[in-house]
Amino acid sequence: MRKIILIYEWIFRTLLFFLPDVPVIMRFRGLLYSIVLKECGKSFQITHNAILSSSYTISLGNNVYIANNCVIL
């Protein structure tokens, strides 16, 4: 299951990497990440070059914004 999650994350990170960091697209990235997160609140935004590793173990609250060059292991 872990390998499937890693492949899923890699695919959508690669496809959305070149889109600009505007709120609508960052929320869309957050929505795609929220599928594999342990818990995720409302209005999760993540920039194109932020990295979440082992995302299936991460829990986030409401109104979370993960900025440029942020790495969460």
N, C-alpha and C. Protein backbone atom coordinates (compact mmCIF):
# COMPACT_ATOMS: atom_id res chain seq x y z
N MET A 1 0.82 -1.20 0.00
CA MET A 1 0.00 0.00 0.00
C MET A 1 0.87 1.26 0.00
N ARG A 2 1.98 1.22 0.73
CA ARG A 2 2.86 2.38 0.82
C ARG A 2 3.43 2.75 -0.55
N LYS A 3 3.80 1.75 -1.33
CA LYS A 3 4.36 2.01 -2.66
C LYS A 3 3.32 2.64 -3.59
N ILE A 4 2.09 2.22 -3.46
CA ILE A 4 1.01 2.79 -4.28
C ILE A 4 0.83 4.27 -3.93
N ILE A 5 0.87 4.60 -2.65
CA ILE A 5 0.74 5.99 -2.21
C ILE A 5 1.90 6.82 -2.74
N LEU A 6 3.11 6.30 -2.67
CA LEU A 6 4.28 7.03 -3.17
C LEU A 6 4.18 7.28 -4.68
N ILE A 7 3.71 6.30 -5.42
CA ILE A 7 3.54 6.46 -6.87
C ILE A 7 2.46 7.49 -7.16
N TYR A 8 1.36 7.44 -6.42
CA TYR A 8 0.27 8.41 -6.58
C TYR A 8 0.78 9.83 -6.34
N GLU A 9 1.53 10.03 -5.24
CA GLU A 9 2.06 11.35 -4.92
C GLU A 9 3.02 11.83 -6.00
N TRP A 10 3.87 10.94 -6.48
CA TRP A 10 4.84 11.31 -7.50
C TRP A 10 4.13 11.73 -8.79
N ILE A 11 3.08 11.01 -9.17
CA ILE A 11 2.36 11.32 -10.41
C ILE A 11 1.73 12.70 -10.33
N PHE A 12 0.97 12.99 -9.27
CA PHE A 12 0.31 14.29 -9.26
C PHE A 12 1.27 15.43 -8.97
N ARG A 13 2.38 15.20 -8.23
CA ARG A 13 3.40 16.24 -8.07
C ARG A 13 4.04 16.57 -9.42
N THR A 14 4.31 15.55 -10.22
CA THR A 14 4.92 15.76 -11.52
C THR A 14 3.97 16.49 -12.47
N LEU A 15 2.72 16.12 -12.47
CA LEU A 15 1.75 16.74 -13.37
C LEU A 15 1.43 18.19 -13.00
N LEU A 16 1.43 18.50 -11.70
CA LEU A 16 1.05 19.84 -11.26
C LEU A 16 2.23 20.74 -10.93
N PHE A 17 3.45 20.27 -11.11
CA PHE A 17 4.64 21.02 -10.72
C PHE A 17 4.74 22.35 -11.48
N PHE A 18 4.37 22.36 -12.75
CA PHE A 18 4.57 23.54 -13.58
C PHE A 18 3.43 24.55 -13.50
N LEU A 19 2.38 24.23 -12.78
CA LEU A 19 1.28 25.19 -12.62
C LEU A 19 1.66 26.23 -11.58
N PRO A 20 1.18 27.46 -11.72
CA PRO A 20 1.57 28.54 -10.79
C PRO A 20 0.99 28.31 -9.39
N ASP A 21 1.62 28.96 -8.43
CA ASP A 21 1.16 28.87 -7.04
C ASP A 21 0.11 29.96 -6.77
N VAL A 22 -1.07 29.73 -7.27
CA VAL A 22 -2.21 30.60 -6.98
C VAL A 22 -3.14 29.79 -6.07
N PRO A 23 -3.94 30.49 -5.24
CA PRO A 23 -4.75 29.78 -4.25
C PRO A 23 -5.60 28.63 -4.79
N VAL A 24 -6.21 28.80 -5.94
CA VAL A 24 -7.08 27.75 -6.48
C VAL A 24 -6.28 26.47 -6.76
N ILE A 25 -5.13 26.61 -7.38
CA ILE A 25 -4.31 25.44 -7.71
C ILE A 25 -3.68 24.85 -6.47
N MET A 26 -3.27 25.70 -5.52
CA MET A 26 -2.69 25.17 -4.27
C MET A 26 -3.74 24.39 -3.48
N ARG A 27 -5.00 24.84 -3.50
CA ARG A 27 -6.07 24.08 -2.84
C ARG A 27 -6.33 22.76 -3.56
N PHE A 28 -6.22 22.77 -4.89
CA PHE A 28 -6.39 21.54 -5.66
C PHE A 28 -5.29 20.54 -5.32
N ARG A 29 -4.04 21.02 -5.21
CA ARG A 29 -2.94 20.15 -4.77
C ARG A 29 -3.23 19.60 -3.37
N GLY A 30 -3.73 20.48 -2.49
CA GLY A 30 -4.08 20.05 -1.14
C GLY A 30 -5.17 18.99 -1.15
N LEU A 31 -6.14 19.15 -2.03
CA LEU A 31 -7.20 18.16 -2.15
C LEU A 31 -6.63 16.81 -2.58
N LEU A 32 -5.71 16.82 -3.54
CA LEU A 32 -5.10 15.56 -3.99
C LEU A 32 -4.25 14.93 -2.88
N TYR A 33 -3.54 15.75 -2.12
CA TYR A 33 -2.78 15.21 -0.99
C TYR A 33 -3.70 14.68 0.11
N SER A 34 -4.83 15.36 0.33
CA SER A 34 -5.72 14.97 1.43
C SER A 34 -6.27 13.56 1.28
N ILE A 35 -6.27 13.05 0.07
CA ILE A 35 -6.75 11.69 -0.16
C ILE A 35 -5.88 10.67 0.55
N VAL A 36 -4.57 10.94 0.62
CA VAL A 36 -3.65 9.97 1.22
C VAL A 36 -3.19 10.36 2.63
N LEU A 37 -3.56 11.56 3.11
CA LEU A 37 -3.20 11.95 4.47
C LEU A 37 -4.04 11.19 5.49
N LYS A 38 -3.47 11.02 6.67
CA LYS A 38 -4.19 10.35 7.74
C LYS A 38 -5.44 11.15 8.10
N GLU A 39 -5.27 12.46 8.32
CA GLU A 39 -6.39 13.38 8.58
C GLU A 39 -6.06 14.71 7.94
N CYS A 40 -7.09 15.39 7.45
CA CYS A 40 -6.88 16.70 6.83
C CYS A 40 -8.12 17.55 7.03
N GLY A 41 -7.91 18.78 7.53
CA GLY A 41 -9.01 19.70 7.73
C GLY A 41 -9.36 20.44 6.45
N LYS A 42 -10.14 21.50 6.60
CA LYS A 42 -10.58 22.29 5.46
C LYS A 42 -9.48 23.28 5.03
N SER A 43 -9.51 23.65 3.77
CA SER A 43 -8.66 24.68 3.18
C SER A 43 -7.17 24.36 3.34
N PHE A 44 -6.75 23.20 2.92
CA PHE A 44 -5.34 22.81 2.92
C PHE A 44 -4.72 23.24 1.60
N GLN A 45 -3.62 24.01 1.68
CA GLN A 45 -2.93 24.49 0.49
C GLN A 45 -1.47 24.09 0.55
N ILE A 46 -0.90 23.72 -0.60
CA ILE A 46 0.50 23.33 -0.66
C ILE A 46 1.10 23.84 -1.97
N THR A 47 2.32 24.38 -1.89
CA THR A 47 2.97 24.92 -3.07
C THR A 47 3.58 23.81 -3.93
N HIS A 48 4.05 24.19 -5.10
CA HIS A 48 4.52 23.19 -6.07
C HIS A 48 5.81 22.49 -5.65
N ASN A 49 6.66 23.13 -4.86
CA ASN A 49 7.93 22.50 -4.53
C ASN A 49 8.04 22.09 -3.06
N ALA A 50 6.94 22.01 -2.36
CA ALA A 50 6.93 21.47 -1.01
C ALA A 50 6.85 19.95 -1.08
N ILE A 51 7.46 19.28 -0.10
CA ILE A 51 7.51 17.82 -0.12
C ILE A 51 6.96 17.27 1.19
N LEU A 52 6.01 16.36 1.09
CA LEU A 52 5.51 15.63 2.25
C LEU A 52 5.94 14.17 2.09
N SER A 53 6.71 13.68 3.02
CA SER A 53 7.15 12.30 2.97
C SER A 53 6.37 11.49 4.00
N SER A 54 6.02 10.29 3.68
CA SER A 54 5.19 9.45 4.55
C SER A 54 3.88 10.16 4.88
N SER A 55 3.24 10.68 3.86
CA SER A 55 2.03 11.49 4.07
C SER A 55 0.88 10.70 4.70
N TYR A 56 0.90 9.39 4.57
CA TYR A 56 -0.19 8.59 5.14
C TYR A 56 -0.15 8.58 6.67
N THR A 57 0.88 9.14 7.29
CA THR A 57 0.97 9.22 8.75
C THR A 57 0.78 10.64 9.27
N ILE A 58 0.55 11.61 8.39
CA ILE A 58 0.47 13.02 8.78
C ILE A 58 -0.99 13.43 8.98
N SER A 59 -1.23 14.16 10.07
CA SER A 59 -2.55 14.72 10.36
C SER A 59 -2.44 16.25 10.34
N LEU A 60 -3.35 16.90 9.62
CA LEU A 60 -3.35 18.35 9.52
C LEU A 60 -4.70 18.90 9.95
N GLY A 61 -4.69 20.11 10.50
CA GLY A 61 -5.92 20.77 10.91
C GLY A 61 -6.48 21.65 9.81
N ASN A 62 -7.34 22.58 10.19
CA ASN A 62 -7.96 23.50 9.25
C ASN A 62 -7.00 24.64 8.88
N ASN A 63 -7.17 25.17 7.66
CA ASN A 63 -6.44 26.33 7.18
C ASN A 63 -4.93 26.17 7.25
N VAL A 64 -4.41 25.08 6.75
CA VAL A 64 -2.97 24.81 6.74
C VAL A 64 -2.42 25.21 5.37
N TYR A 65 -1.29 25.93 5.41
CA TYR A 65 -0.59 26.34 4.19
C TYR A 65 0.85 25.88 4.31
N ILE A 66 1.32 25.07 3.37
CA ILE A 66 2.70 24.60 3.37
C ILE A 66 3.42 25.36 2.25
N ALA A 67 4.44 26.14 2.64
CA ALA A 67 5.08 27.11 1.74
C ALA A 67 6.20 26.50 0.91
N ASN A 68 6.82 27.34 0.10
CA ASN A 68 7.91 26.94 -0.80
C ASN A 68 9.08 26.31 -0.07
N ASN A 69 9.64 25.29 -0.69
CA ASN A 69 10.84 24.60 -0.20
C ASN A 69 10.70 23.97 1.18
N CYS A 70 9.48 23.75 1.61
CA CYS A 70 9.22 23.10 2.89
C CYS A 70 9.25 21.59 2.71
N VAL A 71 9.98 20.91 3.60
CA VAL A 71 10.08 19.45 3.55
C VAL A 71 9.60 18.92 4.89
N ILE A 72 8.60 18.07 4.87
CA ILE A 72 8.06 17.46 6.08
C ILE A 72 8.27 15.96 5.98
N LEU A 73 9.10 15.43 6.88
CA LEU A 73 9.42 14.00 6.88
C LEU A 73 8.67 13.29 7.98
